[in-house]
PDB file of N, CA and C in Angstrom:
ATOM      1  N   MET A   1      29.971 -14.509 -13.292  1.00  0.00           N
ATOM      2  CA  MET A   1      30.194 -14.315 -11.626  1.00  0.00           C
ATOM      3  C   MET A   1      30.070 -16.067 -11.224  1.00  0.00           C
ATOM      4  N   ALA A   2      31.368 -15.970 -10.172  1.00  0.00           N
ATOM      5  CA  ALA A   2      31.279 -16.933  -9.563  1.00  0.00           C
ATOM      6  C   ALA A   2      29.358 -17.926  -9.347  1.00  0.00           C
ATOM      7  N   THR A   3      29.590 -18.906  -9.015  1.00  0.00           N
ATOM      8  CA  THR A   3      28.719 -19.432  -7.978  1.00  0.00           C
ATOM      9  C   THR A   3      29.298 -19.526  -6.254  1.00  0.00           C
ATOM     10  N   ARG A   4      28.540 -19.018  -5.404  1.00  0.00           N
ATOM     11  CA  ARG A   4      28.507 -19.714  -4.250  1.00  0.00           C
ATOM     12  C   ARG A   4      28.221 -20.584  -3.714  1.00  0.00           C
ATOM     13  N   PHE A   5      28.635 -20.929  -2.661  1.00  0.00           N
ATOM     14  CA  PHE A   5      28.606 -22.544  -1.977  1.00  0.00           C
ATOM     15  C   PHE A   5      28.911 -22.160  -0.335  1.00  0.00           C
ATOM     16  N   ILE A   6      28.022 -22.514   0.246  1.00  0.00           N
ATOM     17  CA  ILE A   6      27.414 -21.914   1.641  1.00  0.00           C
ATOM     18  C   ILE A   6      26.606 -23.363   2.716  1.00  0.00           C
ATOM     19  N   SER A   7      27.354 -23.295   3.162  1.00  0.00           N
ATOM     20  CA  SER A   7      26.701 -24.260   4.318  1.00  0.00           C
ATOM     21  C   SER A   7      25.373 -23.719   5.074  1.00  0.00           C
ATOM     22  N   SER A   8      24.411 -24.391   5.782  1.00  0.00           N
ATOM     23  CA  SER A   8      23.191 -24.146   7.019  1.00  0.00           C
ATOM     24  C   SER A   8      22.974 -23.371   7.875  1.00  0.00           C
ATOM     25  N   ASP A   9      24.559 -23.351   8.131  1.00  0.00           N
ATOM     26  CA  ASP A   9      25.151 -23.101   9.639  1.00  0.00           C
ATOM     27  C   ASP A   9      25.829 -21.569   9.245  1.00  0.00           C
ATOM     28  N   GLU A  10      26.133 -21.587   8.079  1.00  0.00           N
ATOM     29  CA  GLU A  10      26.253 -19.726   7.334  1.00  0.00           C
ATOM     30  C   GLU A  10      25.021 -19.049   6.658  1.00  0.00           C
ATOM     31  N   ILE A  11      24.089 -19.392   6.487  1.00  0.00           N
ATOM     32  CA  ILE A  11      22.568 -19.144   6.412  1.00  0.00           C
ATOM     33  C   ILE A  11      21.925 -18.254   7.259  1.00  0.00           C
ATOM     34  N   PHE A  12      21.517 -19.460   8.245  1.00  0.00           N
ATOM     35  CA  PHE A  12      21.455 -19.438   9.514  1.00  0.00           C
ATOM     36  C   PHE A  12      21.957 -18.373  10.402  1.00  0.00           C
ATOM     37  N   ASN A  13      23.437 -18.559  10.265  1.00  0.00           N
ATOM     38  CA  ASN A  13      23.926 -17.622  11.053  1.00  0.00           C
ATOM     39  C   ASN A  13      24.617 -15.412  10.574  1.00  0.00           C
ATOM     40  N   HIS A  14      23.688 -15.305   9.773  1.00  0.00           N
ATOM     41  CA  HIS A  14      23.808 -13.995   9.211  1.00  0.00           C
ATOM     42  C   HIS A  14      25.486 -13.766   8.327  1.00  0.00           C
ATOM     43  N   LYS A  15      26.169 -14.831   8.636  1.00  0.00           N
ATOM     44  CA  LYS A  15      27.457 -14.793   7.870  1.00  0.00           C
ATOM     45  C   LYS A  15      27.304 -14.373   5.883  1.00  0.00           C
ATOM     46  N   PHE A  16      26.588 -13.423   6.291  1.00  0.00           N
ATOM     47  CA  PHE A  16      26.661 -12.590   4.484  1.00  0.00           C
ATOM     48  C   PHE A  16      27.550 -11.650   4.203  1.00  0.00           C
ATOM     49  N   ASP A  17      28.446 -11.651   5.177  1.00  0.00           N
ATOM     50  CA  ASP A  17      29.366 -10.563   4.445  1.00  0.00           C
ATOM     51  C   ASP A  17      30.409 -10.895   4.236  1.00  0.00           C
ATOM     52  N   LYS A  18      30.989 -12.163   3.959  1.00  0.00           N
ATOM     53  CA  LYS A  18      31.870 -12.797   3.953  1.00  0.00           C
ATOM     54  C   LYS A  18      31.617 -13.329   2.770  1.00  0.00           C
ATOM     55  N   ASN A  19      32.891 -13.738   1.348  1.00  0.00           N
ATOM     56  CA  ASN A  19      32.487 -14.683   0.528  1.00  0.00           C
ATOM     57  C   ASN A  19      32.980 -15.783   0.953  1.00  0.00           C
ATOM     58  N   TYR A  20      31.976 -16.690   1.474  1.00  0.00           N
ATOM     59  CA  TYR A  20      31.608 -18.308   1.317  1.00  0.00           C
ATOM     60  C   TYR A  20      32.511 -19.349   0.142  1.00  0.00           C
ATOM     61  N   CYS A  21      33.193 -19.813   0.102  1.00  0.00           N
ATOM     62  CA  CYS A  21      33.333 -20.469  -1.758  1.00  0.00           C
ATOM     63  C   CYS A  21      33.923 -21.770  -1.038  1.00  0.00           C
ATOM     64  N   GLN A  22      33.309 -23.148  -1.769  1.00  0.00           N
ATOM     65  CA  GLN A  22      33.615 -24.261  -1.494  1.00  0.00           C
ATOM     66  C   GLN A  22      33.858 -24.616  -2.234  1.00  0.00           C
ATOM     67  N   HIS A  23      34.295 -25.454  -3.103  1.00  0.00           N
ATOM     68  CA  HIS A  23      34.713 -26.350  -4.704  1.00  0.00           C
ATOM     69  C   HIS A  23      34.391 -27.615  -3.833  1.00  0.00           C
ATOM     70  N   ILE A  24      33.920 -27.964  -5.231  1.00  0.00           N
ATOM     71  CA  ILE A  24      33.029 -29.543  -5.450  1.00  0.00           C
ATOM     72  C   ILE A  24      33.307 -30.052  -6.277  1.00  0.00           C
ATOM     73  N   SER A  25      34.397 -31.118  -5.582  1.00  0.00           N
ATOM     74  CA  SER A  25      34.748 -32.404  -7.134  1.00  0.00           C
ATOM     75  C   SER A  25      33.529 -33.174  -7.475  1.00  0.00           C
ATOM     76  N   SER A  26      32.573 -33.441  -7.141  1.00  0.00           N
ATOM     77  CA  SER A  26      31.598 -34.528  -7.239  1.00  0.00           C
ATOM     78  C   SER A  26      29.966 -34.025  -6.749  1.00  0.00           C
ATOM     79  N   LYS A  27      29.265 -33.600  -6.896  1.00  0.00           N
ATOM     80  CA  LYS A  27      27.723 -34.347  -6.789  1.00  0.00           C
ATOM     81  C   LYS A  27      27.130 -35.738  -6.340  1.00  0.00           C
ATOM     82  N   ASN A  28      26.565 -35.727  -5.113  1.00  0.00           N
ATOM     83  CA  ASN A  28      25.892 -36.844  -5.131  1.00  0.00           C
ATOM     84  C   ASN A  28      24.490 -36.686  -5.519  1.00  0.00           C
ATOM     85  N   LEU A  29      24.058 -37.399  -6.102  1.00  0.00           N
ATOM     86  CA  LEU A  29      22.085 -37.451  -6.507  1.00  0.00           C
ATOM     87  C   LEU A  29      21.407 -38.761  -5.122  1.00  0.00           C
ATOM     88  N   GLN A  30      20.857 -37.204  -4.932  1.00  0.00           N
ATOM     89  CA  GLN A  30      19.922 -38.102  -3.816  1.00  0.00           C
ATOM     90  C   GLN A  30      18.140 -38.076  -4.094  1.00  0.00           C
ATOM     91  N   THR A  31      18.198 -38.684  -4.460  1.00  0.00           N
ATOM     92  CA  THR A  31      16.615 -39.379  -4.715  1.00  0.00           C
ATOM     93  C   THR A  31      15.938 -39.760  -3.726  1.00  0.00           C
ATOM     94  N   THR A  32      15.646 -39.691  -2.794  1.00  0.00           N
ATOM     95  CA  THR A  32      14.951 -39.792  -1.525  1.00  0.00           C
ATOM     96  C   THR A  32      14.281 -38.950  -1.163  1.00  0.00           C
ATOM     97  N   ALA A  33      12.879 -39.360  -0.501  1.00  0.00           N
ATOM     98  CA  ALA A  33      11.916 -38.149  -0.317  1.00  0.00           C
ATOM     99  C   ALA A  33      12.329 -37.056   0.945  1.00  0.00           C
ATOM    100  N   ASP A  34      11.175 -35.871   1.172  1.00  0.00           N
ATOM    101  CA  ASP A  34      11.625 -34.854   1.956  1.00  0.00           C
ATOM    102  C   ASP A  34      12.483 -34.987   2.325  1.00  0.00           C
ATOM    103  N   PRO A  35      14.424 -33.957   2.116  1.00  0.00           N
ATOM    104  CA  PRO A  35      15.350 -33.870   2.799  1.00  0.00           C
ATOM    105  C   PRO A  35      14.850 -32.979   3.947  1.00  0.00           C
ATOM    106  N   ARG A  36      15.652 -32.877   4.584  1.00  0.00           N
ATOM    107  CA  ARG A  36      15.812 -31.595   5.820  1.00  0.00           C
ATOM    108  C   ARG A  36      16.358 -31.031   5.485  1.00  0.00           C
ATOM    109  N   VAL A  37      16.791 -29.488   6.170  1.00  0.00           N
ATOM    110  CA  VAL A  37      17.582 -28.636   5.992  1.00  0.00           C
ATOM    111  C   VAL A  37      19.318 -28.922   6.279  1.00  0.00           C
ATOM    112  N   ALA A  38      18.825 -29.431   7.513  1.00  0.00           N
ATOM    113  CA  ALA A  38      20.382 -30.558   8.283  1.00  0.00           C
ATOM    114  C   ALA A  38      21.020 -31.164   7.658  1.00  0.00           C
ATOM    115  N   ASP A  39      19.676 -32.196   6.341  1.00  0.00           N
ATOM    116  CA  ASP A  39      20.389 -33.224   5.714  1.00  0.00           C
ATOM    117  C   ASP A  39      21.853 -32.708   4.412  1.00  0.00           C
ATOM    118  N   ILE A  40      21.796 -31.606   4.322  1.00  0.00           N
ATOM    119  CA  ILE A  40      22.140 -30.331   2.866  1.00  0.00           C
ATOM    120  C   ILE A  40      23.762 -30.501   3.543  1.00  0.00           C
ATOM    121  N   ALA A  41      24.585 -30.313   3.463  1.00  0.00           N
ATOM    122  CA  ALA A  41      25.670 -29.928   3.796  1.00  0.00           C
ATOM    123  C   ALA A  41      26.729 -28.739   3.063  1.00  0.00           C
ATOM    124  N   VAL A  42      26.101 -28.717   1.494  1.00  0.00           N
ATOM    125  CA  VAL A  42      26.567 -27.144   0.552  1.00  0.00           C
ATOM    126  C   VAL A  42      24.973 -27.314  -0.349  1.00  0.00           C
ATOM    127  N   TRP A  43      24.794 -25.537  -0.012  1.00  0.00           N
ATOM    128  CA  TRP A  43      24.043 -25.031  -0.702  1.00  0.00           C
ATOM    129  C   TRP A  43      24.932 -24.691  -1.974  1.00  0.00           C
ATOM    130  N   GLU A  44      23.990 -24.061  -2.449  1.00  0.00           N
ATOM    131  CA  GLU A  44      24.379 -23.112  -3.413  1.00  0.00           C
ATOM    132  C   GLU A  44      23.593 -22.110  -3.676  1.00  0.00           C
ATOM    133  N   GLU A  45      24.185 -20.831  -3.755  1.00  0.00           N
ATOM    134  CA  GLU A  45      23.256 -19.907  -3.716  1.00  0.00           C
ATOM    135  C   GLU A  45      22.478 -19.429  -4.445  1.00  0.00           C
ATOM    136  N   ILE A  46      21.456 -19.203  -5.672  1.00  0.00           N
ATOM    137  CA  ILE A  46      20.607 -19.258  -6.346  1.00  0.00           C
ATOM    138  C   ILE A  46      20.277 -17.487  -6.367  1.00  0.00           C
ATOM    139  N   TYR A  47      19.887 -16.683  -5.396  1.00  0.00           N
ATOM    140  CA  TYR A  47      19.785 -15.500  -5.630  1.00  0.00           C
ATOM    141  C   TYR A  47      19.826 -15.271  -3.945  1.00  0.00           C
ATOM    142  N   PHE A  48      20.645 -13.523  -3.404  1.00  0.00           N
ATOM    143  CA  PHE A  48      20.862 -13.085  -2.354  1.00  0.00           C
ATOM    144  C   PHE A  48      20.840 -11.823  -2.417  1.00  0.00           C
ATOM    145  N   LYS A  49      20.096 -10.908  -1.600  1.00  0.00           N
ATOM    146  CA  LYS A  49      20.047  -9.317  -1.033  1.00  0.00           C
ATOM    147  C   LYS A  49      20.171  -9.210   0.139  1.00  0.00           C
ATOM    148  N   PRO A  50      21.616  -8.552   0.279  1.00  0.00           N
ATOM    149  CA  PRO A  50      22.205  -8.919   1.577  1.00  0.00           C
ATOM    150  C   PRO A  50      20.861  -8.524   2.903  1.00  0.00           C
ATOM    151  N   GLY A  51      20.890  -9.331   3.746  1.00  0.00           N
ATOM    152  CA  GLY A  51      19.743  -8.708   4.425  1.00  0.00           C
ATOM    153  C   GLY A  51      18.090  -8.577   4.761  1.00  0.00           C
ATOM    154  N   VAL A  52      18.005  -8.878   3.387  1.00  0.00           N
ATOM    155  CA  VAL A  52      16.606  -9.164   3.195  1.00  0.00           C
ATOM    156  C   VAL A  52      16.202 -10.602   2.603  1.00  0.00           C
ATOM    157  N   ILE A  53      16.316 -11.653   1.818  1.00  0.00           N
ATOM    158  CA  ILE A  53      16.485 -12.811   1.377  1.00  0.00           C
ATOM    159  C   ILE A  53      17.476 -12.973   0.945  1.00  0.00           C
ATOM    160  N   GLY A  54      17.686 -14.735   1.099  1.00  0.00           N
ATOM    161  CA  GLY A  54      18.454 -15.775   0.042  1.00  0.00           C
ATOM    162  C   GLY A  54      17.849 -16.738  -0.545  1.00  0.00           C
ATOM    163  N   VAL A  55      18.596 -17.231  -1.765  1.00  0.00           N
ATOM    164  CA  VAL A  55      17.299 -18.556  -1.981  1.00  0.00           C
ATOM    165  C   VAL A  55      18.821 -19.431  -2.555  1.00  0.00           C
ATOM    166  N   TYR A  56      18.661 -20.653  -1.775  1.00  0.00           N
ATOM    167  CA  TYR A  56      19.495 -21.538  -1.566  1.00  0.00           C
ATOM    168  C   TYR A  56      19.368 -22.700  -2.452  1.00  0.00           C
ATOM    169  N   ALA A  57      20.158 -23.894  -3.124  1.00  0.00           N
ATOM    170  CA  ALA A  57      19.705 -24.765  -4.100  1.00  0.00           C
ATOM    171  C   ALA A  57      20.497 -25.838  -3.193  1.00  0.00           C
ATOM    172  N   ALA A  58      20.093 -27.111  -3.065  1.00  0.00           N
ATOM    173  CA  ALA A  58      21.050 -28.339  -2.822  1.00  0.00           C
ATOM    174  C   ALA A  58      21.996 -28.671  -3.242  1.00  0.00           C
ATOM    175  N   TRP A  59      22.941 -28.705  -2.962  1.00  0.00           N
ATOM    176  CA  TRP A  59      24.498 -29.418  -3.960  1.00  0.00           C
ATOM    177  C   TRP A  59      24.525 -30.517  -2.986  1.00  0.00           C
ATOM    178  N   ASP A  60      24.922 -30.672  -2.358  1.00  0.00           N
ATOM    179  CA  ASP A  60      25.248 -32.069  -1.556  1.00  0.00           C
ATOM    180  C   ASP A  60      25.094 -32.497  -0.629  1.00  0.00           C
ATOM    181  N   PRO A  61      23.805 -33.266  -0.471  1.00  0.00           N
ATOM    182  CA  PRO A  61      23.483 -34.237  -1.530  1.00  0.00           C
ATOM    183  C   PRO A  61      22.769 -33.071  -2.831  1.00  0.00           C
ATOM    184  N   TYR A  62      22.851 -33.455  -3.743  1.00  0.00           N
ATOM    185  CA  TYR A  62      22.199 -32.846  -4.988  1.00  0.00           C
ATOM    186  C   TYR A  62      20.300 -33.445  -5.850  1.00  0.00           C
ATOM    187  N   CYS A  63      19.995 -32.426  -5.257  1.00  0.00           N
ATOM    188  CA  CYS A  63      18.371 -33.090  -5.133  1.00  0.00           C
ATOM    189  C   CYS A  63      17.591 -31.522  -5.453  1.00  0.00           C
ATOM    190  N   GLU A  64      16.601 -31.717  -6.038  1.00  0.00           N
ATOM    191  CA  GLU A  64      15.420 -30.810  -6.331  1.00  0.00           C
ATOM    192  C   GLU A  64      15.302 -30.297  -4.880  1.00  0.00           C
ATOM    193  N   PHE A  65      15.476 -29.503  -4.476  1.00  0.00           N
ATOM    194  CA  PHE A  65      15.307 -28.886  -2.682  1.00  0.00           C
ATOM    195  C   PHE A  65      15.815 -27.772  -2.628  1.00  0.00           C
ATOM    196  N   TYR A  66      14.978 -26.895  -2.116  1.00  0.00           N
ATOM    197  CA  TYR A  66      15.168 -25.379  -2.130  1.00  0.00           C
ATOM    198  C   TYR A  66      15.084 -24.694  -0.613  1.00  0.00           C
ATOM    199  N   LEU A  67      15.477 -23.951  -0.663  1.00  0.00           N
ATOM    200  CA  LEU A  67      15.602 -23.410   0.729  1.00  0.00           C
ATOM    201  C   LEU A  67      15.931 -21.567   0.578  1.00  0.00           C
ATOM    202  N   VAL A  68      13.972 -20.783   1.037  1.00  0.00           N
ATOM    203  CA  VAL A  68      14.209 -19.915   1.406  1.00  0.00           C
ATOM    204  C   VAL A  68      14.286 -18.690   2.023  1.00  0.00           C
ATOM    205  N   TYR A  69      15.131 -17.790   2.744  1.00  0.00           N
ATOM    206  CA  TYR A  69      15.552 -17.994   3.611  1.00  0.00           C
ATOM    207  C   TYR A  69      15.137 -16.089   3.979  1.00  0.00           C
ATOM    208  N   TYR A  70      14.319 -15.666   4.577  1.00  0.00           N
ATOM    209  CA  TYR A  70      13.720 -14.368   4.416  1.00  0.00           C
ATOM    210  C   TYR A  70      13.494 -14.097   5.618  1.00  0.00           C
ATOM    211  N   PRO A  71      14.457 -12.994   6.326  1.00  0.00           N
ATOM    212  CA  PRO A  71      14.109 -12.934   8.489  1.00  0.00           C
ATOM    213  C   PRO A  71      12.931 -11.457   7.593  1.00  0.00           C
ATOM    214  N   VAL A  72      13.845 -10.952   6.991  1.00  0.00           N
ATOM    215  CA  VAL A  72      12.617  -9.442   7.099  1.00  0.00           C
ATOM    216  C   VAL A  72      11.418  -9.560   5.700  1.00  0.00           C
ATOM    217  N   LEU A  73      11.080 -10.254   4.914  1.00  0.00           N
ATOM    218  CA  LEU A  73       9.904 -10.497   4.062  1.00  0.00           C
ATOM    219  C   LEU A  73       8.641 -11.234   4.883  1.00  0.00           C
ATOM    220  N   SER A  74       9.337 -12.077   4.992  1.00  0.00           N
ATOM    221  CA  SER A  74       8.608 -13.504   6.203  1.00  0.00           C
ATOM    222  C   SER A  74       7.393 -12.493   6.987  1.00  0.00           C
ATOM    223  N   GLU A  75       6.200 -12.880   6.349  1.00  0.00           N
ATOM    224  CA  GLU A  75       4.899 -12.646   6.889  1.00  0.00           C
ATOM    225  C   GLU A  75       4.617 -13.599   8.699  1.00  0.00           C
ATOM    226  N   THR A  76       5.783 -14.267   8.602  1.00  0.00           N
ATOM    227  CA  THR A  76       5.826 -15.323   9.410  1.00  0.00           C
ATOM    228  C   THR A  76       6.509 -15.008  10.799  1.00  0.00           C
ATOM    229  N   ASN A  77       6.501 -16.174  12.001  1.00  0.00           N
ATOM    230  CA  ASN A  77       7.422 -16.243  12.898  1.00  0.00           C
ATOM    231  C   ASN A  77       8.410 -16.775  11.999  1.00  0.00           C
ATOM    232  N   PHE A  78       8.352 -18.300  11.108  1.00  0.00           N
ATOM    233  CA  PHE A  78       8.809 -18.844  10.645  1.00  0.00           C
ATOM    234  C   PHE A  78      10.051 -18.225   9.355  1.00  0.00           C
ATOM    235  N   HIS A  79      11.053 -17.690   9.272  1.00  0.00           N
ATOM    236  CA  HIS A  79      11.800 -17.185   8.283  1.00  0.00           C
ATOM    237  C   HIS A  79      12.173 -17.959   7.479  1.00  0.00           C
ATOM    238  N   SER A  80      12.272 -18.774   7.206  1.00  0.00           N
ATOM    239  CA  SER A  80      12.505 -19.995   5.768  1.00  0.00           C
ATOM    240  C   SER A  80      11.365 -20.831   5.776  1.00  0.00           C
ATOM    241  N   LEU A  81      10.875 -21.071   4.168  1.00  0.00           N
ATOM    242  CA  LEU A  81      10.862 -22.245   4.147  1.00  0.00           C
ATOM    243  C   LEU A  81      11.573 -23.064   2.556  1.00  0.00           C
ATOM    244  N   THR A  82      10.679 -25.095   2.736  1.00  0.00           N
ATOM    245  CA  THR A  82      11.368 -25.387   1.686  1.00  0.00           C
ATOM    246  C   THR A  82      10.933 -25.700   1.012  1.00  0.00           C
ATOM    247  N   PHE A  83      10.870 -26.318  -0.165  1.00  0.00           N
ATOM    248  CA  PHE A  83      10.591 -26.668  -1.478  1.00  0.00           C
ATOM    249  C   PHE A  83      11.013 -27.955  -2.040  1.00  0.00           C
ATOM    250  N   PHE A  84      10.968 -29.144  -2.270  1.00  0.00           N
ATOM    251  CA  PHE A  84      11.286 -30.380  -2.740  1.00  0.00           C
ATOM    252  C   PHE A  84      10.574 -30.908  -3.383  1.00  0.00           C
ATOM    253  N   GLY A  85      10.720 -31.477  -4.975  1.00  0.00           N
ATOM    254  CA  GLY A  85      10.771 -32.361  -5.606  1.00  0.00           C
ATOM    255  C   GLY A  85      10.139 -31.396  -7.021  1.00  0.00           C
ATOM    256  N   GLU A  86       9.782 -32.242  -7.742  1.00  0.00           N
ATOM    257  CA  GLU A  86       9.539 -32.061  -9.331  1.00  0.00           C
ATOM    258  C   GLU A  86       9.084 -30.368  -9.405  1.00  0.00           C
ATOM    259  N   ASP A  87       8.339 -29.996  -8.654  1.00  0.00           N
ATOM    260  CA  ASP A  87       7.760 -28.743  -8.809  1.00  0.00           C
ATOM    261  C   ASP A  87       8.293 -27.408  -7.293  1.00  0.00           C
ATOM    262  N   ALA A  88       9.321 -27.867  -7.116  1.00  0.00           N
ATOM    263  CA  ALA A  88      10.015 -27.040  -6.044  1.00  0.00           C
ATOM    264  C   ALA A  88      10.583 -25.992  -7.118  1.00  0.00           C
ATOM    265  N   SER A  89      11.082 -26.107  -7.538  1.00  0.00           N
ATOM    266  CA  SER A  89      11.198 -24.684  -8.280  1.00  0.00           C
ATOM    267  C   SER A  89      10.392 -23.589  -9.199  1.00  0.00           C
ATOM    268  N   ASP A  90       9.049 -24.277  -9.590  1.00  0.00           N
ATOM    269  CA  ASP A  90       7.855 -23.571  -9.226  1.00  0.00           C
ATOM    270  C   ASP A  90       7.237 -22.674  -8.619  1.00  0.00           C
ATOM    271  N   LYS A  91       7.562 -23.717  -7.483  1.00  0.00           N
ATOM    272  CA  LYS A  91       7.230 -23.060  -6.024  1.00  0.00           C
ATOM    273  C   LYS A  91       7.826 -22.315  -5.545  1.00  0.00           C
ATOM    274  N   VAL A  92       9.299 -21.417  -5.432  1.00  0.00           N
ATOM    275  CA  VAL A  92      10.293 -21.058  -5.460  1.00  0.00           C
ATOM    276  C   VAL A  92       9.604 -19.284  -6.027  1.00  0.00           C
ATOM    277  N   GLN A  93       9.763 -19.950  -7.629  1.00  0.00           N
ATOM    278  CA  GLN A  93       9.073 -18.835  -8.414  1.00  0.00           C
ATOM    279  C   GLN A  93       7.842 -18.076  -8.186  1.00  0.00           C
ATOM    280  N   ASN A  94       7.064 -19.078  -7.646  1.00  0.00           N
ATOM    281  CA  ASN A  94       5.358 -18.184  -7.104  1.00  0.00           C
ATOM    282  C   ASN A  94       6.296 -17.482  -5.928  1.00  0.00           C
ATOM    283  N   LEU A  95       6.010 -17.719  -4.458  1.00  0.00           N
ATOM    284  CA  LEU A  95       7.156 -16.919  -4.107  1.00  0.00           C
ATOM    285  C   LEU A  95       8.176 -15.998  -4.043  1.00  0.00           C
ATOM    286  N   LEU A  96       8.125 -15.853  -4.806  1.00  0.00           N
ATOM    287  CA  LEU A  96       9.449 -14.882  -5.125  1.00  0.00           C
ATOM    288  C   LEU A  96       8.857 -13.878  -6.033  1.00  0.00           C
ATOM    289  N   GLY A  97       7.669 -14.487  -6.655  1.00  0.00           N
ATOM    290  CA  GLY A  97       7.034 -13.197  -7.459  1.00  0.00           C
ATOM    291  C   GLY A  97       6.261 -12.131  -6.737  1.00  0.00           C
ATOM    292  N   LYS A  98       5.568 -13.241  -5.397  1.00  0.00           N
ATOM    293  CA  LYS A  98       5.012 -12.062  -4.465  1.00  0.00           C
ATOM    294  C   LYS A  98       5.961 -10.821  -4.160  1.00  0.00           C
ATOM    295  N   TYR A  99       7.776 -10.767  -4.308  1.00  0.00           N
ATOM    296  CA  TYR A  99       7.875  -9.985  -3.841  1.00  0.00           C
ATOM    297  C   TYR A  99       8.897  -9.187  -4.973  1.00  0.00           C
ATOM    298  N   ASP A 100       8.286  -9.072  -6.432  1.00  0.00           N
ATOM    299  CA  ASP A 100       8.375  -9.122  -7.347  1.00  0.00           C
ATOM    300  C   ASP A 100      10.465  -9.119  -7.750  1.00  0.00           C
ATOM    301  N   ILE A 101      10.509 -10.670  -7.424  1.00  0.00           N
ATOM    302  CA  ILE A 101      11.732 -11.225  -7.834  1.00  0.00           C
ATOM    303  C   ILE A 101      12.010 -11.641  -8.759  1.00  0.00           C
ATOM    304  N   GLN A 102      12.518 -11.861 -10.306  1.00  0.00           N
ATOM    305  CA  GLN A 102      12.218 -12.671 -10.962  1.00  0.00           C
ATOM    306  C   GLN A 102      13.690 -13.971 -11.041  1.00  0.00           C
ATOM    307  N   LEU A 103      13.778 -14.714 -11.145  1.00  0.00           N
ATOM    308  CA  LEU A 103      14.837 -15.710 -11.422  1.00  0.00           C
ATOM    309  C   LEU A 103      15.065 -15.942 -12.588  1.00  0.00           C
ATOM    310  N   ALA A 104      16.823 -15.819 -13.224  1.00  0.00           N
ATOM    311  CA  ALA A 104      16.881 -16.966 -14.431  1.00  0.00           C
ATOM    312  C   ALA A 104      16.675 -17.924 -14.416  1.00  0.00           C
ATOM    313  N   THR A 105      15.749 -18.782 -15.466  1.00  0.00           N
ATOM    314  CA  THR A 105      15.634 -20.013 -15.039  1.00  0.00           C
ATOM    315  C   THR A 105      16.484 -21.320 -16.851  1.00  0.00           C
ATOM    316  N   ASN A 106      16.372 -21.919 -16.252  1.00  0.00           N
ATOM    317  CA  ASN A 106      17.137 -22.931 -17.466  1.00  0.00           C
ATOM    318  C   ASN A 106      16.384 -23.654 -17.685  1.00  0.00           C
ATOM    319  N   ASN A 107      16.266 -24.134 -19.190  1.00  0.00           N
ATOM    320  CA  ASN A 107      14.959 -25.073 -19.588  1.00  0.00           C
ATOM    321  C   ASN A 107      15.632 -26.589 -19.735  1.00  0.00           C
ATOM    322  N   ILE A 108      17.633 -26.377 -20.183  1.00  0.00           N
ATOM    323  CA  ILE A 108      18.265 -27.274 -19.697  1.00  0.00           C
ATOM    324  C   ILE A 108      18.121 -28.135 -19.492  1.00  0.00           C
ATOM    325  N   TRP A 109      18.143 -29.630 -18.976  1.00  0.00           N
ATOM    326  CA  TRP A 109      19.291 -30.492 -17.127  1.00  0.00           C
ATOM    327  C   TRP A 109      19.942 -30.950 -18.196  1.00  0.00           C
ATOM    328  N   VAL A 110      21.139 -31.004 -17.305  1.00  0.00           N
ATOM    329  CA  VAL A 110      22.407 -31.285 -17.876  1.00  0.00           C
ATOM    330  C   VAL A 110      22.548 -32.748 -16.608  1.00  0.00           C
ATOM    331  N   ASP A 111      22.384 -34.001 -17.025  1.00  0.00           N
ATOM    332  CA  ASP A 111      22.556 -35.502 -16.139  1.00  0.00           C
ATOM    333  C   ASP A 111      24.178 -35.534 -16.026  1.00  0.00           C
ATOM    334  N   GLU A 112      24.799 -35.290 -14.781  1.00  0.00           N
ATOM    335  CA  GLU A 112      26.012 -35.284 -14.562  1.00  0.00           C
ATOM    336  C   GLU A 112      26.162 -36.538 -14.406  1.00  0.00           C
ATOM    337  N   THR A 113      25.638 -37.447 -13.892  1.00  0.00           N
ATOM    338  CA  THR A 113      25.360 -38.849 -12.951  1.00  0.00           C
ATOM    339  C   THR A 113      26.109 -39.947 -14.566  1.00  0.00           C
ATOM    340  N   ASN A 114      25.364 -39.821 -15.536  1.00  0.00           N
ATOM    341  CA  ASN A 114      25.602 -40.899 -16.554  1.00  0.00           C
ATOM    342  C   ASN A 114      26.767 -40.039 -17.269  1.00  0.00           C
TER     343      ASN A 114
END
C-alpha cells in the first residue's frame, strides 16, 4: 500500500474522498519542543476510516508529532488531539485502544539523517 501524504488543510477540510499524494525528496528532522499543527506542511497518514477517524504523523518537518482527528468519536467539541515527544506514539496507541483500533508498530528506527 502506498503511503499517503496530505496537508493540515486537507485533514481539517474533510477532503478525504480524493487520493492526495505528495512525493518528498528529503525530510527535515525537527527536534524543537512543542510543534503546532500549523508548523507541519505535510502529514503521513497512519490510519484512516472515512468520516470517522484519521491518524497522522508529521513528515515535513519530520518529528515525533502525531495528530488524531476524530470528529465522530470525540467526546468533546475539540475534534482533534496532538501528541509530541518520545512517548507520543504510546499515547496515540492508548487513545486508539479505547476505540478498539490497533495499529501495526515498528520496533526499528531508521535514522535517515546520517
